[in-house]
Amino acid sequence: MTAEHDTLASSATPLVSAPYCDRCGEPAGTGTHERCDAARALEPPRYCPTCRRRLVVQVVPTGWTARCAEHGVSTSPN
């Protein structure tokens, strides 16, 4: 699991290990998620890595915010 997968939890509930990929929503332990990791370099997360809910994402020129109904808001790294 890479740091990109744990970004969502930085301002929300602390995670020991994210069970889901924050881009495709599939279990993080299945497959390599290489394409997801590559896409996440340029895109915001789409799924909550904790509960697999679809995130409400807002993209602005200076970054992004992603909100999970259960786990709160996270923002893009500076």
C-alpha atoms as a PDB file:
ATOM      1  CA  MET A   1       0.000   0.000   0.000  1.00  0.00           C
ATOM      2  CA  THR A   2       1.397   3.422  -0.888  1.00  0.00           C
ATOM      3  CA  ALA A   3       1.146   6.785   0.793  1.00  0.00           C
ATOM      4  CA  GLU A   4      -1.452   7.850  -1.783  1.00  0.00           C
ATOM      5  CA  HIS A   5      -3.861   5.263  -0.417  1.00  0.00           C
ATOM      6  CA  ASP A   6      -3.525   6.672   3.113  1.00  0.00           C
ATOM      7  CA  THR A   7      -3.942  10.327   2.097  1.00  0.00           C
ATOM      8  CA  LEU A   8      -7.702  10.280   2.580  1.00  0.00           C
ATOM      9  CA  ALA A   9      -7.398   9.306   6.210  1.00  0.00           C
ATOM     10  CA  SER A  10      -4.950  12.080   7.083  1.00  0.00           C
ATOM     11  CA  SER A  11      -7.654  14.441   8.347  1.00  0.00           C
ATOM     12  CA  ALA A  12     -10.280  11.838   9.172  1.00  0.00           C
ATOM     13  CA  THR A  13     -10.210   8.657  11.242  1.00  0.00           C
ATOM     14  CA  PRO A  14      -6.684   7.201  11.589  1.00  0.00           C
ATOM     15  CA  LEU A  15      -6.168   3.948   9.704  1.00  0.00           C
ATOM     16  CA  VAL A  16      -4.004   0.985  10.512  1.00  0.00           C
ATOM     17  CA  SER A  17      -4.396  -0.340   6.984  1.00  0.00           C
ATOM     18  CA  ALA A  18      -6.848   0.785   4.310  1.00  0.00           C
ATOM     19  CA  PRO A  19      -8.881  -2.236   3.204  1.00  0.00           C
ATOM     20  CA  TYR A  20     -10.012  -0.673  -0.109  1.00  0.00           C
ATOM     21  CA  CYS A  21      -8.325   1.094  -3.012  1.00  0.00           C
ATOM     22  CA  ASP A  22      -9.309   4.779  -2.997  1.00  0.00           C
ATOM     23  CA  ARG A  23      -9.449   4.916  -6.796  1.00  0.00           C
ATOM     24  CA  CYS A  24     -11.279   1.764  -7.946  1.00  0.00           C
ATOM     25  CA  GLY A  25     -12.964   0.762  -4.676  1.00  0.00           C
ATOM     26  CA  GLU A  26     -11.853  -2.862  -4.904  1.00  0.00           C
ATOM     27  CA  PRO A  27     -10.217  -4.599  -1.927  1.00  0.00           C
ATOM     28  CA  ALA A  28      -6.638  -3.331  -1.597  1.00  0.00           C
ATOM     29  CA  GLY A  29      -5.288  -6.855  -1.158  1.00  0.00           C
ATOM     30  CA  THR A  30      -6.483  -8.023  -4.580  1.00  0.00           C
ATOM     31  CA  GLY A  31      -4.207  -7.370  -7.531  1.00  0.00           C
ATOM     32  CA  THR A  32      -1.393  -4.849  -7.684  1.00  0.00           C
ATOM     33  CA  HIS A  33      -3.373  -1.633  -8.304  1.00  0.00           C
ATOM     34  CA  GLU A  34      -0.455  -0.304 -10.386  1.00  0.00           C
ATOM     35  CA  ARG A  35      -2.839   1.529 -12.719  1.00  0.00           C
ATOM     36  CA  CYS A  36      -4.640   3.011  -9.717  1.00  0.00           C
ATOM     37  CA  ASP A  37      -1.356   4.216  -8.212  1.00  0.00           C
ATOM     38  CA  ALA A  38      -0.366   5.831 -11.509  1.00  0.00           C
ATOM     39  CA  ALA A  39      -3.749   7.538 -11.890  1.00  0.00           C
ATOM     40  CA  ARG A  40      -3.719   8.776  -8.284  1.00  0.00           C
ATOM     41  CA  ALA A  41      -0.614  10.817  -9.049  1.00  0.00           C
ATOM     42  CA  LEU A  42      -2.896  13.116 -11.077  1.00  0.00           C
ATOM     43  CA  GLU A  43      -6.433  12.435  -9.793  1.00  0.00           C
ATOM     44  CA  PRO A  44      -8.222  12.763  -6.447  1.00  0.00           C
ATOM     45  CA  PRO A  45      -9.519   9.674  -4.636  1.00  0.00           C
ATOM     46  CA  ARG A  46     -12.961   8.396  -5.676  1.00  0.00           C
ATOM     47  CA  TYR A  47     -13.746   5.865  -2.917  1.00  0.00           C
ATOM     48  CA  CYS A  48     -13.260   5.922   0.850  1.00  0.00           C
ATOM     49  CA  PRO A  49     -10.397   3.523   1.631  1.00  0.00           C
ATOM     50  CA  THR A  50     -12.050   2.574   4.931  1.00  0.00           C
ATOM     51  CA  CYS A  51     -15.680   1.870   4.015  1.00  0.00           C
ATOM     52  CA  ARG A  52     -15.709   1.816   0.174  1.00  0.00           C
ATOM     53  CA  ARG A  53     -18.347   4.551  -0.056  1.00  0.00           C
ATOM     54  CA  ARG A  54     -18.247   6.805  -3.098  1.00  0.00           C
ATOM     55  CA  LEU A  55     -16.700  10.168  -2.167  1.00  0.00           C
ATOM     56  CA  VAL A  56     -18.066  13.621  -2.911  1.00  0.00           C
ATOM     57  CA  VAL A  57     -15.076  15.194  -4.674  1.00  0.00           C
ATOM     58  CA  GLN A  58     -14.563  18.841  -5.562  1.00  0.00           C
ATOM     59  CA  VAL A  59     -11.627  19.782  -7.782  1.00  0.00           C
ATOM     60  CA  VAL A  60     -10.388  23.378  -7.907  1.00  0.00           C
ATOM     61  CA  PRO A  61      -7.292  24.841  -9.596  1.00  0.00           C
ATOM     62  CA  THR A  62      -5.339  24.717  -6.326  1.00  0.00           C
ATOM     63  CA  GLY A  63      -6.207  21.119  -5.359  1.00  0.00           C
ATOM     64  CA  TRP A  64      -9.157  18.980  -4.297  1.00  0.00           C
ATOM     65  CA  THR A  65     -11.348  18.002  -1.358  1.00  0.00           C
ATOM     66  CA  ALA A  66     -12.977  14.614  -0.880  1.00  0.00           C
ATOM     67  CA  ARG A  67     -15.766  13.940   1.620  1.00  0.00           C
ATOM     68  CA  CYS A  68     -16.979  10.610   2.968  1.00  0.00           C
ATOM     69  CA  ALA A  69     -20.347  10.676   4.743  1.00  0.00           C
ATOM     70  CA  GLU A  70     -18.924   8.410   7.451  1.00  0.00           C
ATOM     71  CA  HIS A  71     -15.241   9.390   7.729  1.00  0.00           C
ATOM     72  CA  GLY A  72     -15.107  13.110   6.991  1.00  0.00           C
ATOM     73  CA  VAL A  73     -13.146  15.385   4.686  1.00  0.00           C
ATOM     74  CA  SER A  74      -9.635  15.141   3.316  1.00  0.00           C
ATOM     75  CA  THR A  75      -7.744  17.559   1.098  1.00  0.00           C
ATOM     76  CA  SER A  76      -5.016  17.333  -1.491  1.00  0.00           C
ATOM     77  CA  PRO A  77      -1.440  17.449  -0.219  1.00  0.00           C
ATOM     78  CA  ASN A  78       0.259  20.808  -0.741  1.00  0.00           C
END
